[in-house]
Amino acid sequence: MTAMNSRQRIALFNERNVPAGGVCLSSFVLVRNGRDVLVGKMAKPEVWIDRFFVGEKFAPDYLASGKYLLPARHLAWYESPSAAAQSILRDQVRLRIPSRNLRLVDVQSHVRGDVKSSKQPPHWDICFVYEAKVSARTAGRLKTPPWFKDFHFVPLSSLSSADFTRGHGDVLEEAGLLSRR
């Protein structure tokens, strides 16, 4: 066996070797009622920054876009994607769903930016996409949390990736649930 050089011994991704544009680990929950999916628009960006880990410099743009978001957030340190998904349901959507009714449906990796650019270096998103099916009765009892507006179920067939901000439409598109219009 030949000796490895120092570059080969370093993992491509570790605490000292992160892409210049950063890395986000996120969980998304597709709350479904039949063919409809739960969406909302951002209200109170300060809550999104403080509780759901949205970057301070981005939240005002998401609010101003007037576009939909899926229930989602970045993972906290040492939090598993499934624990984040449960937290999204409980704390963001205010819905109690047993963990056995929450299932992982997709894992995605998106890289945006230019590897040759110091102004727009690449950013890497790793997205864990879960699905939680709810009954019509549960869907009808859902109340809009203060950090959302226009919070309701929408037929997936009426949406395109352009209807979403924060790349959430891309997540649905990658999962094969939306087409680009």
C-alpha atoms as a PDB file:
ATOM      1  CA  MET A   1       0.000   0.000   0.000  1.00  0.00           C
ATOM      2  CA  THR A   2       1.390   3.425  -0.883  1.00  0.00           C
ATOM      3  CA  ALA A   3       1.432   6.290   1.572  1.00  0.00           C
ATOM      4  CA  MET A   4      -1.427   8.756   1.172  1.00  0.00           C
ATOM      5  CA  ASN A   5      -0.554  12.382   0.740  1.00  0.00           C
ATOM      6  CA  SER A   6      -1.976  14.855   3.278  1.00  0.00           C
ATOM      7  CA  ARG A   7      -4.749  15.984   0.898  1.00  0.00           C
ATOM      8  CA  GLN A   8      -6.038  12.403   0.555  1.00  0.00           C
ATOM      9  CA  ARG A   9      -6.192  11.916   4.329  1.00  0.00           C
ATOM     10  CA  ILE A  10      -8.438  14.938   4.900  1.00  0.00           C
ATOM     11  CA  ALA A  11     -12.131  14.336   4.529  1.00  0.00           C
ATOM     12  CA  LEU A  12     -13.665  16.488   1.840  1.00  0.00           C
ATOM     13  CA  PHE A  13     -16.123  17.893   4.372  1.00  0.00           C
ATOM     14  CA  ASN A  14     -15.222  18.479   7.999  1.00  0.00           C
ATOM     15  CA  GLU A  15     -15.226  21.335  10.505  1.00  0.00           C
ATOM     16  CA  ARG A  16     -12.065  22.835   8.955  1.00  0.00           C
ATOM     17  CA  ASN A  17     -13.061  22.235   5.362  1.00  0.00           C
ATOM     18  CA  VAL A  18     -16.416  23.826   4.512  1.00  0.00           C
ATOM     19  CA  PRO A  19     -17.335  25.335   1.141  1.00  0.00           C
ATOM     20  CA  ALA A  20     -16.720  29.097   1.141  1.00  0.00           C
ATOM     21  CA  GLY A  21     -20.446  29.732   0.563  1.00  0.00           C
ATOM     22  CA  GLY A  22     -21.412  27.502   3.483  1.00  0.00           C
ATOM     23  CA  VAL A  23     -23.543  24.420   3.976  1.00  0.00           C
ATOM     24  CA  CYS A  24     -27.153  24.176   5.125  1.00  0.00           C
ATOM     25  CA  LEU A  25     -28.774  21.028   6.462  1.00  0.00           C
ATOM     26  CA  SER A  26     -32.552  21.351   6.353  1.00  0.00           C
ATOM     27  CA  SER A  27     -35.667  19.313   6.967  1.00  0.00           C
ATOM     28  CA  PHE A  28     -38.831  19.937   4.973  1.00  0.00           C
ATOM     29  CA  VAL A  29     -42.238  18.509   5.797  1.00  0.00           C
ATOM     30  CA  LEU A  30     -44.799  18.050   3.057  1.00  0.00           C
ATOM     31  CA  VAL A  31     -48.006  18.149   5.065  1.00  0.00           C
ATOM     32  CA  ARG A  32     -50.485  16.490   2.699  1.00  0.00           C
ATOM     33  CA  ASN A  33     -54.247  16.246   2.682  1.00  0.00           C
ATOM     34  CA  GLY A  34     -55.027  14.093  -0.321  1.00  0.00           C
ATOM     35  CA  ARG A  35     -53.458  15.814  -3.334  1.00  0.00           C
ATOM     36  CA  ASP A  36     -53.121  19.123  -1.505  1.00  0.00           C
ATOM     37  CA  VAL A  37     -50.010  20.388   0.276  1.00  0.00           C
ATOM     38  CA  LEU A  38     -49.737  22.873   3.142  1.00  0.00           C
ATOM     39  CA  VAL A  39     -48.043  26.156   2.217  1.00  0.00           C
ATOM     40  CA  GLY A  40     -47.795  29.608   3.724  1.00  0.00           C
ATOM     41  CA  LYS A  41     -46.175  32.963   3.198  1.00  0.00           C
ATOM     42  CA  MET A  42     -43.699  34.482   5.606  1.00  0.00           C
ATOM     43  CA  ALA A  43     -44.908  36.894   8.238  1.00  0.00           C
ATOM     44  CA  LYS A  44     -42.760  38.200  11.099  1.00  0.00           C
ATOM     45  CA  PRO A  45     -39.278  37.539   9.676  1.00  0.00           C
ATOM     46  CA  GLU A  46     -37.776  38.077  13.143  1.00  0.00           C
ATOM     47  CA  VAL A  47     -39.486  34.867  14.283  1.00  0.00           C
ATOM     48  CA  TRP A  48     -38.096  32.977  11.285  1.00  0.00           C
ATOM     49  CA  ILE A  49     -34.603  34.251  12.101  1.00  0.00           C
ATOM     50  CA  ASP A  50     -34.813  33.440  15.804  1.00  0.00           C
ATOM     51  CA  ARG A  51     -36.801  30.177  15.835  1.00  0.00           C
ATOM     52  CA  PHE A  52     -36.384  28.592  12.397  1.00  0.00           C
ATOM     53  CA  PHE A  53     -32.765  29.581  11.619  1.00  0.00           C
ATOM     54  CA  VAL A  54     -33.393  31.725   8.522  1.00  0.00           C
ATOM     55  CA  GLY A  55     -30.443  34.029   7.832  1.00  0.00           C
ATOM     56  CA  GLU A  56     -30.916  37.669   8.862  1.00  0.00           C
ATOM     57  CA  LYS A  57     -29.838  39.001   5.488  1.00  0.00           C
ATOM     58  CA  PHE A  58     -32.289  36.744   3.598  1.00  0.00           C
ATOM     59  CA  ALA A  59     -35.500  36.934   5.636  1.00  0.00           C
ATOM     60  CA  PRO A  60     -36.537  40.417   4.403  1.00  0.00           C
ATOM     61  CA  ASP A  61     -36.234  39.238   0.788  1.00  0.00           C
ATOM     62  CA  TYR A  62     -38.375  36.159   1.475  1.00  0.00           C
ATOM     63  CA  LEU A  63     -41.018  38.353   3.108  1.00  0.00           C
ATOM     64  CA  ALA A  64     -40.926  40.880   0.236  1.00  0.00           C
ATOM     65  CA  SER A  65     -41.251  38.125  -2.389  1.00  0.00           C
ATOM     66  CA  GLY A  66     -44.805  37.335  -1.270  1.00  0.00           C
ATOM     67  CA  LYS A  67     -44.166  33.744  -2.344  1.00  0.00           C
ATOM     68  CA  TYR A  68     -44.939  30.483  -0.584  1.00  0.00           C
ATOM     69  CA  LEU A  69     -42.796  28.530   1.836  1.00  0.00           C
ATOM     70  CA  LEU A  70     -43.114  24.922   2.896  1.00  0.00           C
ATOM     71  CA  PRO A  71     -42.914  24.053   6.584  1.00  0.00           C
ATOM     72  CA  ALA A  72     -39.140  23.727   6.923  1.00  0.00           C
ATOM     73  CA  ARG A  73     -36.096  24.832   8.856  1.00  0.00           C
ATOM     74  CA  HIS A  74     -32.382  24.310   9.210  1.00  0.00           C
ATOM     75  CA  LEU A  75     -31.160  21.683  11.654  1.00  0.00           C
ATOM     76  CA  ALA A  76     -29.762  22.746  15.013  1.00  0.00           C
ATOM     77  CA  TRP A  77     -26.344  21.436  16.070  1.00  0.00           C
ATOM     78  CA  TYR A  78     -26.420  17.663  16.614  1.00  0.00           C
ATOM     79  CA  GLU A  79     -30.124  17.450  15.736  1.00  0.00           C
ATOM     80  CA  SER A  80     -31.241  14.595  13.533  1.00  0.00           C
ATOM     81  CA  PRO A  81     -33.283  15.378  10.414  1.00  0.00           C
ATOM     82  CA  SER A  82     -36.253  13.397  11.789  1.00  0.00           C
ATOM     83  CA  ALA A  83     -36.142  15.324  15.090  1.00  0.00           C
ATOM     84  CA  ALA A  84     -36.135  18.573  13.088  1.00  0.00           C
ATOM     85  CA  ALA A  85     -39.138  17.346  11.081  1.00  0.00           C
ATOM     86  CA  GLN A  86     -41.030  16.582  14.306  1.00  0.00           C
ATOM     87  CA  SER A  87     -40.108  20.036  15.603  1.00  0.00           C
ATOM     88  CA  ILE A  88     -41.364  21.647  12.387  1.00  0.00           C
ATOM     89  CA  LEU A  89     -44.736  19.970  12.829  1.00  0.00           C
ATOM     90  CA  ARG A  90     -44.985  20.773  16.529  1.00  0.00           C
ATOM     91  CA  ASP A  91     -43.430  24.256  16.723  1.00  0.00           C
ATOM     92  CA  GLN A  92     -43.883  25.748  13.252  1.00  0.00           C
ATOM     93  CA  VAL A  93     -47.137  24.208  12.020  1.00  0.00           C
ATOM     94  CA  ARG A  94     -48.541  23.543  15.526  1.00  0.00           C
ATOM     95  CA  LEU A  95     -49.655  20.068  14.631  1.00  0.00           C
ATOM     96  CA  ARG A  96     -49.156  16.867  16.612  1.00  0.00           C
ATOM     97  CA  ILE A  97     -48.477  13.879  14.396  1.00  0.00           C
ATOM     98  CA  PRO A  98     -47.086  10.600  15.738  1.00  0.00           C
ATOM     99  CA  SER A  99     -43.584   9.918  14.430  1.00  0.00           C
ATOM    100  CA  ARG A 100     -44.841   6.704  12.811  1.00  0.00           C
ATOM    101  CA  ASN A 101     -46.975   8.926  10.487  1.00  0.00           C
ATOM    102  CA  LEU A 102     -43.954  10.920   9.365  1.00  0.00           C
ATOM    103  CA  ARG A 103     -41.867   9.324   6.650  1.00  0.00           C
ATOM    104  CA  LEU A 104     -38.704  10.282   4.820  1.00  0.00           C
ATOM    105  CA  VAL A 105     -39.489  10.574   1.106  1.00  0.00           C
ATOM    106  CA  ASP A 106     -36.360  12.159  -0.352  1.00  0.00           C
ATOM    107  CA  VAL A 107     -32.843  13.386   0.370  1.00  0.00           C
ATOM    108  CA  GLN A 108     -31.503  16.048  -1.942  1.00  0.00           C
ATOM    109  CA  SER A 109     -28.234  17.842  -2.508  1.00  0.00           C
ATOM    110  CA  HIS A 110     -28.140  21.227  -4.254  1.00  0.00           C
ATOM    111  CA  VAL A 111     -25.029  23.280  -4.993  1.00  0.00           C
ATOM    112  CA  ARG A 112     -25.509  26.871  -6.081  1.00  0.00           C
ATOM    113  CA  GLY A 113     -22.859  29.411  -6.958  1.00  0.00           C
ATOM    114  CA  ASP A 114     -19.655  29.410  -8.915  1.00  0.00           C
ATOM    115  CA  VAL A 115     -16.623  27.463  -7.683  1.00  0.00           C
ATOM    116  CA  LYS A 116     -14.375  30.022  -9.394  1.00  0.00           C
ATOM    117  CA  SER A 117     -16.029  33.053  -7.815  1.00  0.00           C
ATOM    118  CA  SER A 118     -14.953  34.685  -4.577  1.00  0.00           C
ATOM    119  CA  LYS A 119     -18.006  36.990  -4.712  1.00  0.00           C
ATOM    120  CA  GLN A 120     -20.570  34.187  -5.224  1.00  0.00           C
ATOM    121  CA  PRO A 121     -18.820  31.073  -3.886  1.00  0.00           C
ATOM    122  CA  PRO A 122     -20.783  27.826  -3.975  1.00  0.00           C
ATOM    123  CA  HIS A 123     -23.318  27.080  -1.269  1.00  0.00           C
ATOM    124  CA  TRP A 124     -24.326  23.509  -0.570  1.00  0.00           C
ATOM    125  CA  ASP A 125     -27.836  22.555   0.606  1.00  0.00           C
ATOM    126  CA  ILE A 126     -28.610  19.084   1.898  1.00  0.00           C
ATOM    127  CA  CYS A 127     -32.371  18.658   2.239  1.00  0.00           C
ATOM    128  CA  PHE A 128     -34.238  15.907   4.063  1.00  0.00           C
ATOM    129  CA  VAL A 129     -37.812  15.804   2.772  1.00  0.00           C
ATOM    130  CA  TYR A 130     -40.503  14.201   4.924  1.00  0.00           C
ATOM    131  CA  GLU A 131     -44.190  13.618   4.318  1.00  0.00           C
ATOM    132  CA  ALA A 132     -46.987  13.764   6.885  1.00  0.00           C
ATOM    133  CA  LYS A 133     -50.475  12.875   5.709  1.00  0.00           C
ATOM    134  CA  VAL A 134     -53.375  14.440   7.582  1.00  0.00           C
ATOM    135  CA  SER A 135     -57.105  13.839   7.419  1.00  0.00           C
ATOM    136  CA  ALA A 136     -59.570  16.418   6.101  1.00  0.00           C
ATOM    137  CA  ARG A 137     -60.748  16.876   9.690  1.00  0.00           C
ATOM    138  CA  THR A 138     -57.223  17.686  10.916  1.00  0.00           C
ATOM    139  CA  ALA A 139     -56.603  19.947   7.909  1.00  0.00           C
ATOM    140  CA  GLY A 140     -59.814  21.839   8.640  1.00  0.00           C
ATOM    141  CA  ARG A 141     -58.802  22.486  12.263  1.00  0.00           C
ATOM    142  CA  LEU A 142     -55.404  23.973  11.397  1.00  0.00           C
ATOM    143  CA  LYS A 143     -54.967  27.578  12.517  1.00  0.00           C
ATOM    144  CA  THR A 144     -52.542  30.046  10.991  1.00  0.00           C
ATOM    145  CA  PRO A 145     -49.533  30.584  13.294  1.00  0.00           C
ATOM    146  CA  PRO A 146     -48.459  34.245  13.662  1.00  0.00           C
ATOM    147  CA  TRP A 147     -45.251  33.695  11.622  1.00  0.00           C
ATOM    148  CA  PHE A 148     -47.256  32.654   8.557  1.00  0.00           C
ATOM    149  CA  LYS A 149     -49.857  34.394   6.449  1.00  0.00           C
ATOM    150  CA  ASP A 150     -51.900  32.849   3.656  1.00  0.00           C
ATOM    151  CA  PHE A 151     -51.416  29.471   5.389  1.00  0.00           C
ATOM    152  CA  HIS A 152     -53.558  26.787   3.778  1.00  0.00           C
ATOM    153  CA  PHE A 153     -53.691  23.645   1.675  1.00  0.00           C
ATOM    154  CA  VAL A 154     -53.246  24.092  -2.068  1.00  0.00           C
ATOM    155  CA  PRO A 155     -53.556  21.491  -4.849  1.00  0.00           C
ATOM    156  CA  LEU A 156     -50.055  20.572  -5.954  1.00  0.00           C
ATOM    157  CA  SER A 157     -51.289  20.585  -9.553  1.00  0.00           C
ATOM    158  CA  SER A 158     -51.942  24.354  -9.306  1.00  0.00           C
ATOM    159  CA  LEU A 159     -48.371  25.188  -8.220  1.00  0.00           C
ATOM    160  CA  SER A 160     -45.031  25.598  -9.949  1.00  0.00           C
ATOM    161  CA  SER A 161     -41.553  26.015  -8.493  1.00  0.00           C
ATOM    162  CA  ALA A 162     -41.793  29.745  -9.315  1.00  0.00           C
ATOM    163  CA  ASP A 163     -44.585  30.099  -6.711  1.00  0.00           C
ATOM    164  CA  PHE A 164     -42.037  29.493  -3.905  1.00  0.00           C
ATOM    165  CA  THR A 165     -39.223  31.427  -2.290  1.00  0.00           C
ATOM    166  CA  ARG A 166     -36.086  30.089  -0.521  1.00  0.00           C
ATOM    167  CA  GLY A 167     -35.668  27.361  -3.157  1.00  0.00           C
ATOM    168  CA  HIS A 168     -38.645  25.465  -1.734  1.00  0.00           C
ATOM    169  CA  GLY A 169     -40.106  25.025  -5.218  1.00  0.00           C
ATOM    170  CA  ASP A 170     -36.816  23.443  -6.290  1.00  0.00           C
ATOM    171  CA  VAL A 171     -37.173  20.926  -3.457  1.00  0.00           C
ATOM    172  CA  LEU A 172     -40.656  19.963  -4.680  1.00  0.00           C
ATOM    173  CA  GLU A 173     -39.451  19.848  -8.273  1.00  0.00           C
ATOM    174  CA  GLU A 174     -36.483  17.618  -7.372  1.00  0.00           C
ATOM    175  CA  ALA A 175     -38.858  15.295  -5.509  1.00  0.00           C
ATOM    176  CA  GLY A 176     -40.861  14.945  -8.736  1.00  0.00           C
ATOM    177  CA  LEU A 177     -43.913  16.726  -7.315  1.00  0.00           C
ATOM    178  CA  LEU A 178     -43.790  19.948  -9.376  1.00  0.00           C
ATOM    179  CA  SER A 179     -42.796  20.962 -12.840  1.00  0.00           C
ATOM    180  CA  ARG A 180     -41.055  24.183 -13.789  1.00  0.00           C
ATOM    181  CA  ARG A 181     -43.411  26.594 -15.610  1.00  0.00           C
END
